[in-house]
Amino acid sequence: MAWTNIEMADEVITFFKAYSSVNLGIGMPTVIAERIPSDLNIMIHSENGVFGVSGRPKKDEVSPTLINAGKETIAIKKGASYFDSSMSFGMIRGGHIDYCVLGGMEVDAQRNLANWMVPGKKVTGMGGAMDLVNGSKQVIIMMNHFSKDGMAKLLPQCILPFTGLDVVDLVVTEMGIFKPNGKKFEIIRLAPNCKKDDLKMEISILY
């Protein structure tokens, strides 16, 4: 049985160390903000200039000016701070973000990531992804294991345009947790009742 998005988020959180800084990409990774136990004392960074995101706001606390990089309204925790884009990207490029969790279109065994465009389709731009994958101390990709046409998104080599080269530390999908090591994907753990055959990946790139 494959993991739900919430279960995937919980799996990602197990890799966070207490008192760490975390940046969450738009889409699937945003679920993580609502799932982090308070005793971990994690500070969530958003590249539009917020440090201390704590998930979704209550209905009577929603502010149209308090948003994350994906333009979603957010809540903040005690001790949060605000700053401009220059300071925000200085934090990223300066190596001050411990964990970055991004969505992905493709990850390959060489630790490369493609997550920002499909040629021929309209895109809004790279955003902060290129900076995040190169500036964060650990990069975790949280994504669906298969594309809409049923093809595995963990590949020997990415086909889509790269976001970053040799940057991915872990991949969490609904099928399991995988570590690209430069040559193959190590299977760290599979979701309950999932087997290698269910992954629909080339056996030659799996451990």
Protein backbone atom coordinates (compact mmCIF):
# COMPACT_ATOMS: atom_id res chain seq x y z
CA MET A 1 0.00 0.00 0.00
CA ALA A 2 1.47 3.35 -1.07
CA TRP A 3 1.88 6.25 1.34
CA THR A 4 -0.49 9.21 1.30
CA ASN A 5 0.90 12.74 0.97
CA ILE A 6 0.60 13.16 4.74
CA GLU A 7 2.48 9.92 5.36
CA MET A 8 5.16 11.04 2.91
CA ALA A 9 5.46 14.31 4.80
CA ASP A 10 5.88 12.42 8.08
CA GLU A 11 8.63 10.31 6.49
CA VAL A 12 10.47 13.45 5.40
CA ILE A 13 10.23 14.92 8.90
CA THR A 14 12.06 11.90 10.37
CA PHE A 15 15.23 13.19 8.67
CA PHE A 16 15.06 16.62 10.34
CA LYS A 17 17.25 17.29 13.34
CA ALA A 18 15.90 19.47 16.16
CA TYR A 19 16.54 23.22 15.98
CA SER A 20 17.15 23.09 12.22
CA SER A 21 16.18 25.54 9.48
CA VAL A 22 14.01 24.17 6.68
CA ASN A 23 12.79 25.56 3.36
CA LEU A 24 9.70 23.98 1.80
CA GLY A 25 9.02 24.19 -1.92
CA ILE A 26 5.58 24.91 -3.35
CA GLY A 27 3.06 22.12 -3.86
CA MET A 28 3.39 18.81 -2.07
CA PRO A 29 6.14 19.83 0.41
CA THR A 30 3.94 22.55 1.99
CA VAL A 31 2.05 19.79 3.85
CA ILE A 32 5.16 19.33 6.00
CA ALA A 33 4.68 22.67 7.75
CA GLU A 34 1.49 21.38 9.39
CA ARG A 35 3.03 18.09 10.49
CA ILE A 36 6.26 19.07 12.24
CA PRO A 37 6.12 18.30 15.99
CA SER A 38 6.54 21.45 18.07
CA ASP A 39 9.24 19.85 20.24
CA LEU A 40 11.60 19.73 17.22
CA ASN A 41 11.71 23.54 17.28
CA ILE A 42 12.12 23.72 13.50
CA MET A 43 12.25 27.17 11.89
CA ILE A 44 10.74 27.18 8.40
CA HIS A 45 12.21 29.63 5.89
CA SER A 46 10.28 31.00 2.93
CA GLU A 47 12.37 32.72 0.26
CA ASN A 48 9.90 35.60 -0.10
CA GLY A 49 11.13 36.84 3.28
CA VAL A 50 9.71 34.91 6.25
CA PHE A 51 11.57 32.85 8.84
CA GLY A 52 9.30 31.01 11.26
CA VAL A 53 6.37 29.64 9.20
CA SER A 54 4.15 27.28 11.19
CA GLY A 55 1.58 25.94 8.75
CA ARG A 56 -1.91 27.17 7.87
CA PRO A 57 -3.59 30.04 9.72
CA LYS A 58 -6.93 29.72 11.50
CA LYS A 59 -9.86 31.33 9.73
CA ASP A 60 -9.84 34.40 11.99
CA GLU A 61 -6.06 34.81 11.69
CA VAL A 62 -5.72 34.93 7.89
CA SER A 63 -3.74 37.89 6.57
CA PRO A 64 -3.59 38.61 2.80
CA THR A 65 -0.07 40.02 3.26
CA LEU A 66 1.31 37.02 5.15
CA ILE A 67 2.09 34.39 2.52
CA ASN A 68 4.72 31.86 1.52
CA ALA A 69 6.62 31.67 -1.78
CA GLY A 70 3.67 29.82 -3.34
CA LYS A 71 1.31 32.71 -2.46
CA GLU A 72 -0.51 30.59 0.13
CA THR A 73 -1.57 32.23 3.39
CA ILE A 74 0.49 31.07 6.36
CA ALA A 75 0.69 31.21 10.12
CA ILE A 76 3.87 32.11 11.97
CA LYS A 77 5.40 30.95 15.23
CA LYS A 78 6.81 32.93 18.13
CA GLY A 79 10.18 34.39 17.23
CA ALA A 80 9.44 34.69 13.49
CA SER A 81 11.17 37.39 11.48
CA TYR A 82 10.69 39.20 8.17
CA PHE A 83 13.26 40.47 5.69
CA ASP A 84 13.72 41.44 2.04
CA SER A 85 14.65 39.16 -0.85
CA SER A 86 18.30 40.16 -0.70
CA MET A 87 18.61 38.97 2.89
CA SER A 88 16.54 35.86 2.17
CA PHE A 89 18.71 34.71 -0.71
CA GLY A 90 21.81 35.65 1.24
CA MET A 91 20.68 33.11 3.84
CA ILE A 92 20.20 30.47 1.14
CA ARG A 93 23.39 31.13 -0.81
CA GLY A 94 25.38 31.52 2.38
CA GLY A 95 24.63 27.95 3.43
CA HIS A 96 22.37 28.81 6.38
CA ILE A 97 19.45 26.53 5.42
CA ASP A 98 19.84 23.03 6.84
CA TYR A 99 17.17 21.22 4.81
CA CYS A 100 15.39 22.03 1.58
CA VAL A 101 12.37 19.96 0.51
CA LEU A 102 11.27 20.44 -3.09
CA GLY A 103 8.88 18.80 -5.50
CA GLY A 104 10.34 17.11 -8.55
CA MET A 105 9.58 16.11 -12.12
CA GLU A 106 12.63 13.83 -12.45
CA VAL A 107 15.59 12.74 -10.33
CA ASP A 108 18.39 10.63 -11.73
CA ALA A 109 20.96 8.25 -10.24
CA GLN A 110 23.67 10.92 -10.64
CA ARG A 111 21.82 13.01 -8.01
CA ASN A 112 20.56 15.49 -10.62
CA LEU A 113 17.17 17.20 -10.34
CA ALA A 114 14.73 18.47 -12.98
CA ASN A 115 11.75 20.25 -11.45
CA TRP A 116 11.05 23.56 -13.15
CA MET A 117 9.93 23.17 -16.75
CA VAL A 118 8.69 20.92 -19.54
CA PRO A 119 9.87 22.17 -22.97
CA GLY A 120 7.02 23.61 -24.98
CA LYS A 121 4.83 24.32 -21.96
CA LYS A 122 4.32 27.68 -20.27
CA VAL A 123 6.26 28.06 -17.04
CA THR A 124 6.43 30.81 -14.42
CA GLY A 125 10.19 30.51 -14.00
CA MET A 126 12.84 28.84 -11.88
CA GLY A 127 11.97 30.71 -8.70
CA GLY A 128 14.45 30.01 -5.90
CA ALA A 129 14.93 26.32 -6.69
CA MET A 130 18.36 26.66 -8.32
CA ASP A 131 19.66 28.61 -5.33
CA LEU A 132 18.08 26.26 -2.82
CA VAL A 133 19.48 23.03 -4.25
CA ASN A 134 22.98 24.48 -4.27
CA GLY A 135 22.85 26.44 -1.01
CA SER A 136 21.04 24.07 1.35
CA LYS A 137 23.00 21.58 3.41
CA GLN A 138 20.65 18.70 2.52
CA VAL A 139 18.18 18.45 -0.37
CA ILE A 140 15.17 16.14 -0.11
CA ILE A 141 12.80 15.67 -3.04
CA MET A 142 9.17 14.84 -2.21
CA MET A 143 7.23 13.81 -5.31
CA ASN A 144 4.94 11.26 -6.90
CA HIS A 145 6.81 8.16 -8.03
CA PHE A 146 5.11 8.06 -11.45
CA SER A 147 4.27 10.64 -14.10
CA LYS A 148 0.71 11.07 -15.36
CA ASP A 149 1.40 8.55 -18.11
CA GLY A 150 2.60 5.95 -15.60
CA MET A 151 6.36 6.25 -16.14
CA ALA A 152 8.75 6.18 -13.19
CA LYS A 153 10.30 9.58 -12.41
CA LEU A 154 13.50 8.10 -10.93
CA LEU A 155 15.74 7.65 -13.96
CA PRO A 156 19.26 6.69 -15.04
CA GLN A 157 19.52 10.24 -16.42
CA CYS A 158 17.10 13.17 -16.40
CA ILE A 159 15.43 13.97 -19.71
CA LEU A 160 13.95 17.35 -18.72
CA PRO A 161 16.06 20.52 -18.22
CA PHE A 162 18.13 20.44 -15.04
CA THR A 163 17.49 22.48 -11.93
CA GLY A 164 20.71 21.35 -10.26
CA LEU A 165 23.55 18.88 -10.83
CA ASP A 166 24.75 16.44 -8.17
CA VAL A 167 22.52 17.98 -5.50
CA VAL A 168 19.85 15.46 -4.40
CA ASP A 169 20.41 13.63 -1.11
CA LEU A 170 17.11 11.76 -0.71
CA VAL A 171 13.89 11.17 -2.63
CA VAL A 172 10.62 10.39 -0.85
CA THR A 173 7.72 9.13 -2.99
CA GLU A 174 4.51 7.30 -2.21
CA MET A 175 6.41 4.08 -2.94
CA GLY A 176 9.36 4.56 -0.58
CA ILE A 177 12.56 6.40 0.29
CA PHE A 178 15.47 6.35 -2.14
CA LYS A 179 19.05 7.65 -2.09
CA PRO A 180 20.82 8.39 -5.39
CA ASN A 181 24.52 7.67 -4.87
CA GLY A 182 25.93 8.74 -8.23
CA LYS A 183 25.48 5.35 -9.87
CA LYS A 184 22.27 3.82 -8.57
CA PHE A 185 19.32 4.43 -6.27
CA GLU A 186 19.68 2.78 -2.89
CA ILE A 187 16.33 1.68 -1.49
CA ILE A 188 16.27 3.01 2.07
CA ARG A 189 12.74 1.83 2.78
CA LEU A 190 9.65 0.84 0.81
CA ALA A 191 6.10 1.75 1.73
CA PRO A 192 4.04 -1.09 3.26
CA ASN A 193 3.39 -3.94 0.82
CA CYS A 194 5.34 -2.21 -1.97
CA LYS A 195 7.89 -4.36 -3.76
CA LYS A 196 10.73 -3.67 -6.19
CA ASP A 197 8.59 -4.85 -9.09
CA ASP A 198 6.00 -2.18 -8.22
CA LEU A 199 8.54 0.58 -8.79
CA LYS A 200 8.61 0.06 -12.59
CA MET A 201 12.25 1.18 -12.66
CA GLU A 202 15.21 -0.35 -14.43
CA ILE A 203 16.61 -2.97 -12.06
CA SER A 204 20.09 -1.91 -13.19
CA ILE A 205 19.74 1.42 -11.36
CA LEU A 206 18.40 -0.04 -8.11
CA TYR A 207 20.16 -1.51 -5.10
